Amino acid sequence: MPPQSLPWSNQMPGMSQPDIVRHMEQQRMRITERQKRLVADTEKLVALTTALKEQVDESNRDILSIDMIKKAEEIEKLAHSVKERIKG
């Protein structure tokens, strides 16, 4: 009886079935880790934007603090990082 063929094995010529399985498991782990980082980063974005909103609400509308500017820059960098990670 021939060994059971994996459906994607024809897409990875030259790789043995154990190598293909290992490759797919590594890919699944990378995807899981990527998702965890996205969740953590988006939670951090929510926390940063909430903190920035509270600072803005409490501040004088004519004055922006250095801390508010730094927080906005951190939000911008993190949002860009999340966007790039989502794009792949």
N, C-alpha and C. Protein backbone atom coordinates (compact mmCIF):
# COMPACT_ATOMS: atom_id res chain seq x y z
N MET A 1 0.85 -1.18 0.00
CA MET A 1 0.00 0.00 0.00
C MET A 1 0.90 1.24 0.00
N PRO A 2 0.70 2.21 -0.93
CA PRO A 2 1.55 3.40 -0.98
C PRO A 2 1.29 4.30 0.23
N PRO A 3 2.32 5.04 0.67
CA PRO A 3 2.12 5.93 1.81
C PRO A 3 1.08 7.00 1.46
N GLN A 4 0.33 7.40 2.48
CA GLN A 4 -0.71 8.41 2.26
C GLN A 4 -0.04 9.73 1.88
N SER A 5 -0.52 10.32 0.83
CA SER A 5 0.04 11.56 0.33
C SER A 5 -0.67 12.75 0.98
N LEU A 6 0.12 13.75 1.36
CA LEU A 6 -0.47 14.97 1.90
C LEU A 6 -0.96 15.82 0.73
N PRO A 7 -2.08 16.52 0.88
CA PRO A 7 -2.65 17.26 -0.24
C PRO A 7 -1.72 18.34 -0.81
N TRP A 8 -0.85 18.92 0.00
CA TRP A 8 0.04 19.98 -0.47
C TRP A 8 1.42 19.46 -0.87
N SER A 9 1.63 18.16 -0.77
CA SER A 9 2.97 17.61 -1.04
C SER A 9 3.41 17.84 -2.48
N ASN A 10 2.48 17.91 -3.40
CA ASN A 10 2.86 18.16 -4.79
C ASN A 10 3.31 19.60 -5.00
N GLN A 11 3.06 20.49 -4.04
CA GLN A 11 3.48 21.88 -4.13
C GLN A 11 4.89 22.08 -3.58
N MET A 12 5.46 21.05 -2.96
CA MET A 12 6.79 21.13 -2.36
C MET A 12 7.64 19.99 -2.88
N PRO A 13 7.98 20.03 -4.16
CA PRO A 13 8.76 18.92 -4.72
C PRO A 13 10.13 18.85 -4.07
N GLY A 14 10.64 17.63 -3.95
CA GLY A 14 11.97 17.43 -3.39
C GLY A 14 12.00 17.37 -1.88
N MET A 15 10.85 17.51 -1.24
CA MET A 15 10.79 17.44 0.22
C MET A 15 10.10 16.14 0.61
N SER A 16 10.64 15.49 1.61
CA SER A 16 10.01 14.26 2.08
C SER A 16 8.77 14.61 2.90
N GLN A 17 7.93 13.63 3.09
CA GLN A 17 6.70 13.87 3.85
C GLN A 17 6.99 14.38 5.26
N PRO A 18 7.96 13.82 5.99
CA PRO A 18 8.26 14.37 7.33
C PRO A 18 8.75 15.82 7.26
N ASP A 19 9.53 16.15 6.20
CA ASP A 19 9.98 17.54 6.04
C ASP A 19 8.81 18.47 5.77
N ILE A 20 7.88 18.01 4.97
CA ILE A 20 6.70 18.81 4.66
C ILE A 20 5.87 19.04 5.92
N VAL A 21 5.67 17.99 6.69
CA VAL A 21 4.91 18.10 7.94
C VAL A 21 5.60 19.07 8.89
N ARG A 22 6.92 18.96 9.03
CA ARG A 22 7.69 19.85 9.90
C ARG A 22 7.58 21.30 9.41
N HIS A 23 7.69 21.48 8.09
CA HIS A 23 7.57 22.82 7.50
C HIS A 23 6.19 23.42 7.80
N MET A 24 5.16 22.63 7.64
CA MET A 24 3.79 23.12 7.88
C MET A 24 3.59 23.45 9.36
N GLU A 25 4.15 22.65 10.26
CA GLU A 25 4.04 22.91 11.69
C GLU A 25 4.78 24.21 12.05
N GLN A 26 5.95 24.42 11.47
CA GLN A 26 6.69 25.66 11.71
C GLN A 26 5.90 26.86 11.20
N GLN A 27 5.29 26.71 10.05
CA GLN A 27 4.50 27.79 9.48
C GLN A 27 3.29 28.09 10.38
N ARG A 28 2.65 27.05 10.88
CA ARG A 28 1.50 27.23 11.78
C ARG A 28 1.94 27.95 13.06
N MET A 29 3.12 27.60 13.58
CA MET A 29 3.63 28.25 14.79
C MET A 29 3.95 29.72 14.53
N ARG A 30 4.51 30.03 13.35
CA ARG A 30 4.78 31.43 13.00
C ARG A 30 3.50 32.23 12.91
N ILE A 31 2.47 31.64 12.32
CA ILE A 31 1.18 32.32 12.20
C ILE A 31 0.57 32.56 13.59
N THR A 32 0.66 31.57 14.46
CA THR A 32 0.14 31.71 15.82
C THR A 32 0.88 32.81 16.57
N GLU A 33 2.20 32.83 16.46
CA GLU A 33 3.01 33.85 17.13
C GLU A 33 2.69 35.24 16.57
N ARG A 34 2.54 35.33 15.27
CA ARG A 34 2.19 36.60 14.62
C ARG A 34 0.85 37.12 15.15
N GLN A 35 -0.11 36.22 15.29
CA GLN A 35 -1.43 36.60 15.80
C GLN A 35 -1.32 37.09 17.25
N LYS A 36 -0.52 36.40 18.06
CA LYS A 36 -0.34 36.82 19.45
C LYS A 36 0.26 38.23 19.53
N ARG A 37 1.26 38.49 18.67
CA ARG A 37 1.88 39.82 18.66
C ARG A 37 0.89 40.88 18.20
N LEU A 38 0.06 40.55 17.21
CA LEU A 38 -0.94 41.51 16.75
C LEU A 38 -1.93 41.84 17.86
N VAL A 39 -2.38 40.82 18.59
CA VAL A 39 -3.32 41.04 19.69
C VAL A 39 -2.66 41.92 20.75
N ALA A 40 -1.43 41.60 21.14
CA ALA A 40 -0.73 42.38 22.16
C ALA A 40 -0.52 43.82 21.71
N ASP A 41 -0.10 44.00 20.46
CA ASP A 41 0.14 45.35 19.96
C ASP A 41 -1.14 46.16 19.84
N THR A 42 -2.22 45.54 19.42
CA THR A 42 -3.48 46.30 19.32
C THR A 42 -4.02 46.64 20.71
N GLU A 43 -3.80 45.75 21.68
CA GLU A 43 -4.18 46.08 23.06
C GLU A 43 -3.36 47.26 23.57
N LYS A 44 -2.08 47.27 23.23
CA LYS A 44 -1.23 48.39 23.63
C LYS A 44 -1.68 49.68 22.94
N LEU A 45 -2.07 49.58 21.67
CA LEU A 45 -2.59 50.76 20.96
C LEU A 45 -3.83 51.33 21.65
N VAL A 46 -4.72 50.45 22.06
CA VAL A 46 -5.93 50.89 22.76
C VAL A 46 -5.55 51.61 24.05
N ALA A 47 -4.63 51.03 24.81
CA ALA A 47 -4.21 51.64 26.08
C ALA A 47 -3.55 53.00 25.84
N LEU A 48 -2.68 53.08 24.84
CA LEU A 48 -2.01 54.35 24.55
C LEU A 48 -3.00 55.42 24.09
N THR A 49 -3.91 55.05 23.20
CA THR A 49 -4.87 56.04 22.71
C THR A 49 -5.83 56.48 23.81
N THR A 50 -6.19 55.56 24.69
CA THR A 50 -7.05 55.92 25.82
C THR A 50 -6.32 56.89 26.74
N ALA A 51 -5.05 56.60 27.03
CA ALA A 51 -4.27 57.49 27.89
C ALA A 51 -4.09 58.86 27.24
N LEU A 52 -3.83 58.87 25.94
CA LEU A 52 -3.68 60.15 25.23
C LEU A 52 -4.98 60.94 25.26
N LYS A 53 -6.10 60.28 25.05
CA LYS A 53 -7.40 60.96 25.09
C LYS A 53 -7.65 61.57 26.47
N GLU A 54 -7.32 60.83 27.52
CA GLU A 54 -7.49 61.35 28.88
C GLU A 54 -6.62 62.58 29.10
N GLN A 55 -5.37 62.54 28.61
CA GLN A 55 -4.49 63.70 28.74
C GLN A 55 -5.04 64.89 27.99
N VAL A 56 -5.53 64.66 26.79
CA VAL A 56 -6.09 65.75 25.98
C VAL A 56 -7.32 66.34 26.66
N ASP A 57 -8.18 65.46 27.19
CA ASP A 57 -9.39 65.93 27.87
C ASP A 57 -9.07 66.78 29.09
N GLU A 58 -7.98 66.45 29.78
CA GLU A 58 -7.61 67.16 31.00
C GLU A 58 -6.75 68.39 30.76
N SER A 59 -6.23 68.53 29.55
CA SER A 59 -5.29 69.62 29.29
C SER A 59 -6.01 70.87 28.81
N ASN A 60 -5.26 71.94 28.82
CA ASN A 60 -5.72 73.20 28.25
C ASN A 60 -5.69 73.04 26.73
N ARG A 61 -6.75 73.41 26.07
CA ARG A 61 -6.82 73.17 24.62
C ARG A 61 -5.79 73.95 23.82
N ASP A 62 -5.17 74.94 24.43
CA ASP A 62 -4.16 75.74 23.72
C ASP A 62 -2.73 75.23 23.93
N ILE A 63 -2.57 74.23 24.79
CA ILE A 63 -1.23 73.74 25.12
C ILE A 63 -1.15 72.23 24.92
N LEU A 64 -0.14 71.81 24.18
CA LEU A 64 0.15 70.38 24.02
C LEU A 64 1.42 70.08 24.80
N SER A 65 1.37 69.07 25.64
CA SER A 65 2.56 68.73 26.42
C SER A 65 3.50 67.86 25.59
N ILE A 66 4.75 67.86 26.01
CA ILE A 66 5.75 67.00 25.37
C ILE A 66 5.34 65.54 25.50
N ASP A 67 4.80 65.18 26.67
CA ASP A 67 4.36 63.80 26.90
C ASP A 67 3.27 63.40 25.90
N MET A 68 2.36 64.31 25.62
CA MET A 68 1.29 64.01 24.65
C MET A 68 1.87 63.81 23.25
N ILE A 69 2.83 64.60 22.90
CA ILE A 69 3.46 64.48 21.58
C ILE A 69 4.21 63.15 21.49
N LYS A 70 4.95 62.80 22.55
CA LYS A 70 5.68 61.53 22.56
C LYS A 70 4.71 60.35 22.48
N LYS A 71 3.61 60.44 23.20
CA LYS A 71 2.63 59.36 23.18
C LYS A 71 2.02 59.22 21.77
N ALA A 72 1.73 60.35 21.13
CA ALA A 72 1.18 60.31 19.77
C ALA A 72 2.19 59.70 18.80
N GLU A 73 3.48 60.01 18.98
CA GLU A 73 4.51 59.42 18.12
C GLU A 73 4.62 57.92 18.34
N GLU A 74 4.51 57.50 19.61
CA GLU A 74 4.57 56.07 19.92
C GLU A 74 3.37 55.34 19.29
N ILE A 75 2.20 55.97 19.36
CA ILE A 75 1.00 55.39 18.73
C ILE A 75 1.21 55.26 17.23
N GLU A 76 1.76 56.29 16.63
CA GLU A 76 1.99 56.27 15.19
C GLU A 76 2.94 55.15 14.78
N LYS A 77 4.04 54.99 15.52
CA LYS A 77 5.01 53.93 15.20
C LYS A 77 4.40 52.55 15.39
N LEU A 78 3.68 52.37 16.48
CA LEU A 78 3.07 51.07 16.75
C LEU A 78 2.00 50.75 15.71
N ALA A 79 1.20 51.74 15.35
CA ALA A 79 0.16 51.53 14.33
C ALA A 79 0.79 51.16 12.99
N HIS A 80 1.88 51.80 12.65
CA HIS A 80 2.57 51.48 11.39
C HIS A 80 3.11 50.04 11.44
N SER A 81 3.68 49.66 12.58
CA SER A 81 4.19 48.30 12.74
C SER A 81 3.08 47.26 12.60
N VAL A 82 1.95 47.53 13.22
CA VAL A 82 0.80 46.61 13.13
C VAL A 82 0.34 46.52 11.68
N LYS A 83 0.24 47.64 11.03
CA LYS A 83 -0.20 47.66 9.62
C LYS A 83 0.73 46.82 8.75
N GLU A 84 2.04 46.98 8.90
CA GLU A 84 2.99 46.22 8.11
C GLU A 84 2.90 44.73 8.40
N ARG A 85 2.70 44.38 9.67
CA ARG A 85 2.59 42.96 10.04
C ARG A 85 1.32 42.35 9.45
N ILE A 86 0.25 43.11 9.43
CA ILE A 86 -1.01 42.61 8.87
C ILE A 86 -0.86 42.38 7.36
N LYS A 87 -0.16 43.29 6.70
CA LYS A 87 0.05 43.15 5.25
C LYS A 87 0.89 41.93 4.92
N GLY A 88 1.68 41.48 5.89
CA GLY A 88 2.47 40.26 5.68
C GLY A 88 3.82 40.58 5.27
